[in-house]
C-alpha atoms as a PDB file:
ATOM      1  CA  UNK A   1      31.167 118.571 -82.792  1.00  0.00           C
ATOM      2  CA  UNK A   2      28.490 116.420 -84.404  1.00  0.00           C
ATOM      3  CA  UNK A   3      29.156 112.724 -83.837  1.00  0.00           C
ATOM      4  CA  UNK A   4      27.802 110.095 -86.257  1.00  0.00           C
ATOM      5  CA  UNK A   5      30.620 107.546 -86.661  1.00  0.00           C
ATOM      6  CA  UNK A   6      30.522 105.241 -89.686  1.00  0.00           C
ATOM      7  CA  UNK A   7      30.579 102.130 -87.485  1.00  0.00           C
ATOM      8  CA  UNK A   8      27.489 103.381 -85.624  1.00  0.00           C
ATOM      9  CA  UNK A   9      25.676 104.035 -88.913  1.00  0.00           C
ATOM     10  CA  UNK A  10      26.615 100.554 -90.115  1.00  0.00           C
ATOM     11  CA  UNK A  11      25.266  98.950 -86.933  1.00  0.00           C
ATOM     12  CA  UNK A  12      22.065 100.959 -87.203  1.00  0.00           C
ATOM     13  CA  UNK A  13      21.608 100.043 -90.866  1.00  0.00           C
ATOM     14  CA  UNK A  14      22.291  96.373 -90.172  1.00  0.00           C
ATOM     15  CA  UNK A  15      19.729  96.304 -87.355  1.00  0.00           C
ATOM     16  CA  UNK A  16      17.110  97.910 -89.598  1.00  0.00           C
ATOM     17  CA  UNK A  17      17.792  95.513 -92.509  1.00  0.00           C
ATOM     18  CA  UNK A  18      17.351  92.609 -90.087  1.00  0.00           C
ATOM     19  CA  UNK A  19      14.090  94.070 -88.817  1.00  0.00           C
ATOM     20  CA  UNK A  20      15.535  94.360 -85.304  1.00  0.00           C
ATOM     21  CA  UNK A  21      13.780  97.460 -83.979  1.00  0.00           C
ATOM     22  CA  UNK A  22      15.092  97.035 -80.454  1.00  0.00           C
ATOM     23  CA  UNK A  23      18.752  97.135 -81.492  1.00  0.00           C
ATOM     24  CA  UNK A  24      18.162  99.954 -83.975  1.00  0.00           C
ATOM     25  CA  UNK A  25      16.383 102.111 -81.403  1.00  0.00           C
ATOM     26  CA  UNK A  26      19.174 101.436 -78.924  1.00  0.00           C
ATOM     27  CA  UNK A  27      21.729 102.785 -81.426  1.00  0.00           C
ATOM     28  CA  UNK A  28      19.593 105.879 -81.997  1.00  0.00           C
ATOM     29  CA  UNK A  29      19.282 106.582 -78.280  1.00  0.00           C
ATOM     30  CA  UNK A  30      23.062 106.321 -77.811  1.00  0.00           C
ATOM     31  CA  UNK A  31      23.655 108.677 -80.759  1.00  0.00           C
ATOM     32  CA  UNK A  32      21.276 111.302 -79.430  1.00  0.00           C
ATOM     33  CA  UNK A  33      22.705 111.115 -75.935  1.00  0.00           C
ATOM     34  CA  UNK A  34      26.288 111.443 -77.221  1.00  0.00           C
ATOM     35  CA  UNK A  35      25.377 114.497 -79.270  1.00  0.00           C
ATOM     36  CA  UNK A  36      23.244 116.158 -76.597  1.00  0.00           C
ATOM     37  CA  UNK A  37      26.283 116.122 -74.321  1.00  0.00           C
ATOM     38  CA  UNK A  38      28.025 118.270 -76.948  1.00  0.00           C
ATOM     39  CA  UNK A  39      25.195 120.847 -76.727  1.00  0.00           C
ATOM     40  CA  UNK A  40      24.681 120.969 -80.476  1.00  0.00           C
ATOM     41  CA  UNK A  41      22.879 123.938 -81.994  1.00  0.00           C
ATOM     42  CA  UNK A  42      19.317 123.228 -83.262  1.00  0.00           C
ATOM     43  CA  UNK A  43      20.570 123.363 -86.869  1.00  0.00           C
ATOM     44  CA  UNK A  44      23.262 120.784 -86.158  1.00  0.00           C
ATOM     45  CA  UNK A  45      20.783 118.563 -84.329  1.00  0.00           C
ATOM     46  CA  UNK A  46      18.406 118.846 -87.276  1.00  0.00           C
ATOM     47  CA  UNK A  47      21.222 117.808 -89.604  1.00  0.00           C
ATOM     48  CA  UNK A  48      22.014 114.815 -87.380  1.00  0.00           C
ATOM     49  CA  UNK A  49      18.401 113.682 -87.175  1.00  0.00           C
ATOM     50  CA  UNK A  50      18.036 114.044 -90.959  1.00  0.00           C
ATOM     51  CA  UNK A  51      21.093 111.846 -91.449  1.00  0.00           C
ATOM     52  CA  UNK A  52      19.794 109.225 -89.042  1.00  0.00           C
ATOM     53  CA  UNK A  53      16.415 109.194 -90.800  1.00  0.00           C
ATOM     54  CA  UNK A  54      18.162 108.921 -94.171  1.00  0.00           C
ATOM     55  CA  UNK A  55      20.194 105.963 -92.905  1.00  0.00           C
ATOM     56  CA  UNK A  56      16.998 104.231 -91.791  1.00  0.00           C
ATOM     57  CA  UNK A  57      15.270 104.792 -95.138  1.00  0.00           C
ATOM     58  CA  UNK A  58      18.302 103.608 -97.119  1.00  0.00           C
ATOM     59  CA  UNK A  59      18.518 100.479 -94.978  1.00  0.00           C
ATOM     60  CA  UNK A  60      14.804  99.857 -95.569  1.00  0.00           C
ATOM     61  CA  UNK A  61      15.621  99.303 -99.255  1.00  0.00           C
ATOM     62  CA  UNK A  62      12.751  97.518-100.958  1.00  0.00           C
ATOM     63  CA  UNK A  63      10.320  98.571 -98.228  1.00  0.00           C
ATOM     64  CA  UNK A  64      10.894 102.278 -98.829  1.00  0.00           C
ATOM     65  CA  UNK A  65      10.916 101.659-102.594  1.00  0.00           C
ATOM     66  CA  UNK A  66       7.368 100.305-102.294  1.00  0.00           C
ATOM     67  CA  UNK A  67       6.296 103.510-100.518  1.00  0.00           C
ATOM     68  CA  UNK A  68       5.016 101.514 -97.565  1.00  0.00           C
ATOM     69  CA  UNK A  69       6.555 103.769 -94.912  1.00  0.00           C
ATOM     70  CA  UNK A  70       4.576 106.728 -93.590  1.00  0.00           C
ATOM     71  CA  UNK A  71       7.505 109.131 -93.083  1.00  0.00           C
ATOM     72  CA  UNK A  72       6.746 112.256 -91.038  1.00  0.00           C
ATOM     73  CA  UNK A  73       9.728 114.447 -91.864  1.00  0.00           C
ATOM     74  CA  UNK A  74       7.713 117.458 -90.723  1.00  0.00           C
ATOM     75  CA  UNK A  75       7.283 116.091 -87.206  1.00  0.00           C
ATOM     76  CA  UNK A  76      10.980 115.237 -87.060  1.00  0.00           C
ATOM     77  CA  UNK A  77      12.124 118.651 -88.204  1.00  0.00           C
ATOM     78  CA  UNK A  78       9.695 120.442 -85.919  1.00  0.00           C
ATOM     79  CA  UNK A  79      11.072 118.531 -82.951  1.00  0.00           C
ATOM     80  CA  UNK A  80      14.593 119.560 -84.010  1.00  0.00           C
ATOM     81  CA  UNK A  81      13.585 123.205 -84.422  1.00  0.00           C
ATOM     82  CA  UNK A  82      12.153 123.252 -80.939  1.00  0.00           C
ATOM     83  CA  UNK A  83      15.192 121.479 -79.546  1.00  0.00           C
ATOM     84  CA  UNK A  84      12.862 118.859 -78.088  1.00  0.00           C
ATOM     85  CA  UNK A  85      15.193 115.899 -77.532  1.00  0.00           C
ATOM     86  CA  UNK A  86      12.425 113.645 -76.274  1.00  0.00           C
ATOM     87  CA  UNK A  87      10.250 114.336 -79.304  1.00  0.00           C
ATOM     88  CA  UNK A  88      13.164 113.795 -81.692  1.00  0.00           C
ATOM     89  CA  UNK A  89      13.836 110.428 -80.129  1.00  0.00           C
ATOM     90  CA  UNK A  90      10.144 109.476 -80.248  1.00  0.00           C
ATOM     91  CA  UNK A  91       9.814 110.358 -83.933  1.00  0.00           C
ATOM     92  CA  UNK A  92      12.999 108.534 -84.917  1.00  0.00           C
ATOM     93  CA  UNK A  93      11.987 105.465 -82.945  1.00  0.00           C
ATOM     94  CA  UNK A  94       8.490 105.562 -84.450  1.00  0.00           C
ATOM     95  CA  UNK A  95      10.001 105.598 -87.916  1.00  0.00           C
ATOM     96  CA  UNK A  96      12.425 102.811 -87.003  1.00  0.00           C
ATOM     97  CA  UNK A  97       9.721 100.566 -85.538  1.00  0.00           C
ATOM     98  CA  UNK A  98       7.459 101.101 -88.564  1.00  0.00           C
ATOM     99  CA  UNK A  99      10.283 100.263 -90.966  1.00  0.00           C
ATOM    100  CA  UNK A 100      11.374  97.185 -89.014  1.00  0.00           C
ATOM    101  CA  UNK A 101       7.823  95.855 -88.812  1.00  0.00           C
ATOM    102  CA  UNK A 102       7.448  96.183 -92.580  1.00  0.00           C
ATOM    103  CA  UNK A 103      10.802  94.504 -93.165  1.00  0.00           C
ATOM    104  CA  UNK A 104       9.897  91.631 -90.829  1.00  0.00           C
ATOM    105  CA  UNK A 105       6.601  91.200 -92.661  1.00  0.00           C
ATOM    106  CA  UNK A 106       8.269  91.129 -96.085  1.00  0.00           C
ATOM    107  CA  UNK A 107      11.059  88.802 -94.908  1.00  0.00           C
ATOM    108  CA  UNK A 108       8.504  86.450 -93.384  1.00  0.00           C
ATOM    109  CA  UNK A 109       6.467  86.398 -96.597  1.00  0.00           C
ATOM    110  CA  UNK A 110       9.569  85.794 -98.727  1.00  0.00           C
ATOM    111  CA  UNK A 111      10.590  82.954 -96.435  1.00  0.00           C
ATOM    112  CA  UNK A 112       7.149  81.363 -96.747  1.00  0.00           C
ATOM    113  CA  UNK A 113       7.285  81.745-100.531  1.00  0.00           C
ATOM    114  CA  UNK A 114      10.708  80.089-100.603  1.00  0.00           C
ATOM    115  CA  UNK A 115       9.391  77.205 -98.505  1.00  0.00           C
ATOM    116  CA  UNK A 116       6.407  76.813-100.811  1.00  0.00           C
ATOM    117  CA  UNK A 117       8.665  76.748-103.855  1.00  0.00           C
ATOM    118  CA  UNK A 118      10.956  74.209-102.203  1.00  0.00           C
ATOM    119  CA  UNK A 119       7.944  72.057-101.344  1.00  0.00           C
ATOM    120  CA  UNK A 120       6.899  72.000-105.004  1.00  0.00           C
ATOM    121  CA  UNK A 121      10.444  71.158-106.091  1.00  0.00           C
ATOM    122  CA  UNK A 122      10.511  68.219-103.679  1.00  0.00           C
ATOM    123  CA  UNK A 123       7.189  66.924-104.993  1.00  0.00           C
ATOM    124  CA  UNK A 124       8.488  67.171-108.541  1.00  0.00           C
ATOM    125  CA  UNK A 125      11.708  65.393-107.583  1.00  0.00           C
ATOM    126  CA  UNK A 126       9.748  62.501-106.046  1.00  0.00           C
ATOM    127  CA  UNK A 127       7.503  62.218-109.094  1.00  0.00           C
ATOM    128  CA  UNK A 128      10.538  62.091-111.372  1.00  0.00           C
ATOM    129  CA  UNK A 129      12.512  59.611-109.261  1.00  0.00           C
ATOM    130  CA  UNK A 130       9.853  57.357-107.704  1.00  0.00           C
ATOM    131  CA  UNK A 131      11.246  54.332-109.569  1.00  0.00           C
ATOM    132  CA  UNK A 132      14.600  54.637-107.782  1.00  0.00           C
ATOM    133  CA  UNK A 133      14.568  52.125-104.887  1.00  0.00           C
ATOM    134  CA  UNK A 134      17.058  54.324-103.003  1.00  0.00           C
ATOM    135  CA  UNK A 135      14.655  57.265-102.945  1.00  0.00           C
ATOM    136  CA  UNK A 136      14.006  58.194 -99.319  1.00  0.00           C
ATOM    137  CA  UNK A 137      13.737  61.152 -96.980  1.00  0.00           C
ATOM    138  CA  UNK A 138      17.487  60.966 -96.354  1.00  0.00           C
ATOM    139  CA  UNK A 139      18.433  60.774-100.024  1.00  0.00           C
ATOM    140  CA  UNK A 140      16.160  63.713-100.859  1.00  0.00           C
ATOM    141  CA  UNK A 141      17.644  65.702 -97.960  1.00  0.00           C
ATOM    142  CA  UNK A 142      21.112  65.050 -99.402  1.00  0.00           C
ATOM    143  CA  UNK A 143      19.954  66.125-102.857  1.00  0.00           C
ATOM    144  CA  UNK A 144      18.594  69.448-101.547  1.00  0.00           C
ATOM    145  CA  UNK A 145      21.387  69.919 -99.004  1.00  0.00           C
ATOM    146  CA  UNK A 146      18.974  69.937 -96.052  1.00  0.00           C
ATOM    147  CA  UNK A 147      18.730  68.163 -92.722  1.00  0.00           C
ATOM    148  CA  UNK A 148      16.246  65.241 -92.921  1.00  0.00           C
ATOM    149  CA  UNK A 149      14.312  66.497 -89.881  1.00  0.00           C
ATOM    150  CA  UNK A 150      13.965  69.977 -91.379  1.00  0.00           C
ATOM    151  CA  UNK A 151      12.954  68.535 -94.750  1.00  0.00           C
ATOM    152  CA  UNK A 152      10.273  66.341 -93.156  1.00  0.00           C
ATOM    153  CA  UNK A 153       8.890  69.266 -91.149  1.00  0.00           C
ATOM    154  CA  UNK A 154       8.869  71.580 -94.163  1.00  0.00           C
ATOM    155  CA  UNK A 155       7.052  69.047 -96.327  1.00  0.00           C
ATOM    156  CA  UNK A 156       4.444  68.293 -93.677  1.00  0.00           C
ATOM    157  CA  UNK A 157       3.763  71.965 -92.917  1.00  0.00           C
ATOM    158  CA  UNK A 158       3.431  72.989 -96.572  1.00  0.00           C
ATOM    159  CA  UNK A 159       1.361  70.036 -97.717  1.00  0.00           C
ATOM    160  CA  UNK A 160      -1.905  71.263 -96.281  1.00  0.00           C
ATOM    161  CA  UNK A 161      -3.131  67.859 -95.163  1.00  0.00           C
ATOM    162  CA  UNK A 162      -0.143  67.148 -92.941  1.00  0.00           C
ATOM    163  CA  UNK A 163       1.095  64.334 -95.179  1.00  0.00           C
ATOM    164  CA  UNK A 164       4.618  63.191 -94.358  1.00  0.00           C
ATOM    165  CA  UNK A 165       7.263  62.949 -97.057  1.00  0.00           C
ATOM    166  CA  UNK A 166       7.741  59.189 -96.803  1.00  0.00           C
ATOM    167  CA  UNK A 167       3.956  58.810 -97.136  1.00  0.00           C
ATOM    168  CA  UNK A 168       3.977  60.937-100.256  1.00  0.00           C
ATOM    169  CA  UNK A 169       6.745  58.794-101.749  1.00  0.00           C
ATOM    170  CA  UNK A 170       4.634  55.685-101.153  1.00  0.00           C
ATOM    171  CA  UNK A 171       1.517  57.381-102.553  1.00  0.00           C
ATOM    172  CA  UNK A 172       3.274  58.384-105.782  1.00  0.00           C
ATOM    173  CA  UNK A 173       4.661  54.882-106.211  1.00  0.00           C
ATOM    174  CA  UNK A 174       1.286  53.275-105.529  1.00  0.00           C
ATOM    175  CA  UNK A 175      -0.409  55.487-108.110  1.00  0.00           C
ATOM    176  CA  UNK A 176       1.940  54.047-110.735  1.00  0.00           C
ATOM    177  CA  UNK A 177       1.458  50.554-109.327  1.00  0.00           C
ATOM    178  CA  UNK A 178      -2.300  50.774-109.914  1.00  0.00           C
ATOM    179  CA  UNK A 179      -1.784  51.846-113.508  1.00  0.00           C
ATOM    180  CA  UNK A 180       0.464  48.876-114.163  1.00  0.00           C
ATOM    181  CA  UNK A 181      -1.849  46.457-112.372  1.00  0.00           C
ATOM    182  CA  UNK A 182      -4.653  47.441-114.712  1.00  0.00           C
ATOM    183  CA  UNK A 183      -2.305  46.791-117.638  1.00  0.00           C
ATOM    184  CA  UNK A 184      -1.886  43.215-116.408  1.00  0.00           C
ATOM    185  CA  UNK A 185       1.827  43.501-115.695  1.00  0.00           C
ATOM    186  CA  UNK A 186       3.484  40.973-113.381  1.00  0.00           C
ATOM    187  CA  UNK A 187       3.781  41.804-109.685  1.00  0.00           C
ATOM    188  CA  UNK A 188       7.532  41.191-109.716  1.00  0.00           C
ATOM    189  CA  UNK A 189       8.014  43.661-112.560  1.00  0.00           C
ATOM    190  CA  UNK A 190       5.748  46.242-110.951  1.00  0.00           C
ATOM    191  CA  UNK A 191       7.641  46.069-107.654  1.00  0.00           C
ATOM    192  CA  UNK A 192      10.936  46.805-109.399  1.00  0.00           C
ATOM    193  CA  UNK A 193       9.693  49.456-111.841  1.00  0.00           C
ATOM    194  CA  UNK A 194       7.897  51.397-109.098  1.00  0.00           C
ATOM    195  CA  UNK A 195      10.898  51.566-106.789  1.00  0.00           C
ATOM    196  CA  UNK A 196       9.933  49.113-104.053  1.00  0.00           C
ATOM    197  CA  UNK A 197      13.100  47.086-104.409  1.00  0.00           C
ATOM    198  CA  UNK A 198      11.446  43.780-103.602  1.00  0.00           C
ATOM    199  CA  UNK A 199       8.082  42.162-104.110  1.00  0.00           C
ATOM    200  CA  UNK A 200       7.756  41.536-100.382  1.00  0.00           C
ATOM    201  CA  UNK A 201       8.134  45.235 -99.558  1.00  0.00           C
ATOM    202  CA  UNK A 202       5.748  46.108-102.364  1.00  0.00           C
ATOM    203  CA  UNK A 203       3.043  43.740-101.096  1.00  0.00           C
ATOM    204  CA  UNK A 204       3.406  44.948 -97.503  1.00  0.00           C
ATOM    205  CA  UNK A 205       3.116  48.631 -98.355  1.00  0.00           C
ATOM    206  CA  UNK A 206       0.276  48.127-100.817  1.00  0.00           C
ATOM    207  CA  UNK A 207      -1.763  46.248 -98.200  1.00  0.00           C
ATOM    208  CA  UNK A 208      -0.893  48.857 -95.548  1.00  0.00           C
ATOM    209  CA  UNK A 209      -2.061  51.799 -97.669  1.00  0.00           C
ATOM    210  CA  UNK A 210      -4.876  50.248 -99.717  1.00  0.00           C
ATOM    211  CA  UNK A 211      -6.289  47.765 -97.225  1.00  0.00           C
ATOM    212  CA  UNK A 212      -6.167  44.873 -99.690  1.00  0.00           C
ATOM    213  CA  UNK A 213      -3.642  42.977-101.772  1.00  0.00           C
ATOM    214  CA  UNK A 214      -2.680  44.020-105.324  1.00  0.00           C
ATOM    215  CA  UNK A 215      -4.495  40.959-106.673  1.00  0.00           C
ATOM    216  CA  UNK A 216      -7.670  41.839-104.769  1.00  0.00           C
ATOM    217  CA  UNK A 217      -7.423  45.415-105.996  1.00  0.00           C
ATOM    218  CA  UNK A 218      -7.155  44.270-109.611  1.00  0.00           C
ATOM    219  CA  UNK A 219     -10.096  41.888-109.228  1.00  0.00           C
ATOM    220  CA  UNK A 220     -12.273  44.664-107.837  1.00  0.00           C
ATOM    221  CA  UNK A 221     -11.296  47.030-110.645  1.00  0.00           C
ATOM    222  CA  UNK A 222     -11.961  44.353-113.259  1.00  0.00           C
ATOM    223  CA  UNK A 223     -15.374  43.749-111.708  1.00  0.00           C
ATOM    224  CA  UNK A 224     -16.180  47.481-111.853  1.00  0.00           C
ATOM    225  CA  UNK A 225     -15.262  47.553-115.525  1.00  0.00           C
ATOM    226  CA  UNK A 226     -17.571  44.635-116.284  1.00  0.00           C
ATOM    227  CA  UNK A 227     -20.452  46.287-114.459  1.00  0.00           C
ATOM    228  CA  UNK A 228     -20.007  49.405-116.527  1.00  0.00           C
END
């Protein structure tokens, strides 16, 4: 009797959907061995192999829908007709490996796209909330339901220049600081409106990032304007 239990098909399909070629091929080898013991007729073996191949293609889902899988049904059926167990196994495993590689590639690309989208969402969130003195890596991690370490790594890896999230927060705030300095607003008011919490923190970070004090920065900018 032909043996292709539903639980075996489910395990095979799951392995393929996960892109796990090793596990999927292991399930195929067990199936073929179990059925060879039963000395199936070539027609029955062909039916089994067709079902296994169909399970693989169904599990491939979007990959097979994009016609990215070079399926050699002819080679599979010829191996069945000849009763060549080794060739049947080789063709099924070749199909499985090809499918799993494509699935891994697509999953990896989707994951990268999701990270890129999340990176842009974080940037937008900072730009919209820079004036909140409680804005920090930890508060953003809470907002996006992520671990702070993972969030920091994701932001740094997707930023291109390796900029850390806390540095980006400071850079966004300082960009607004410069605008307000040129509008002759008071330092105390700027510190609060740009999310620094205190004037002391504001002065320290401005000097750290710009290499001069806010007053010196404004004087230099005023001088540039006069020269123009």
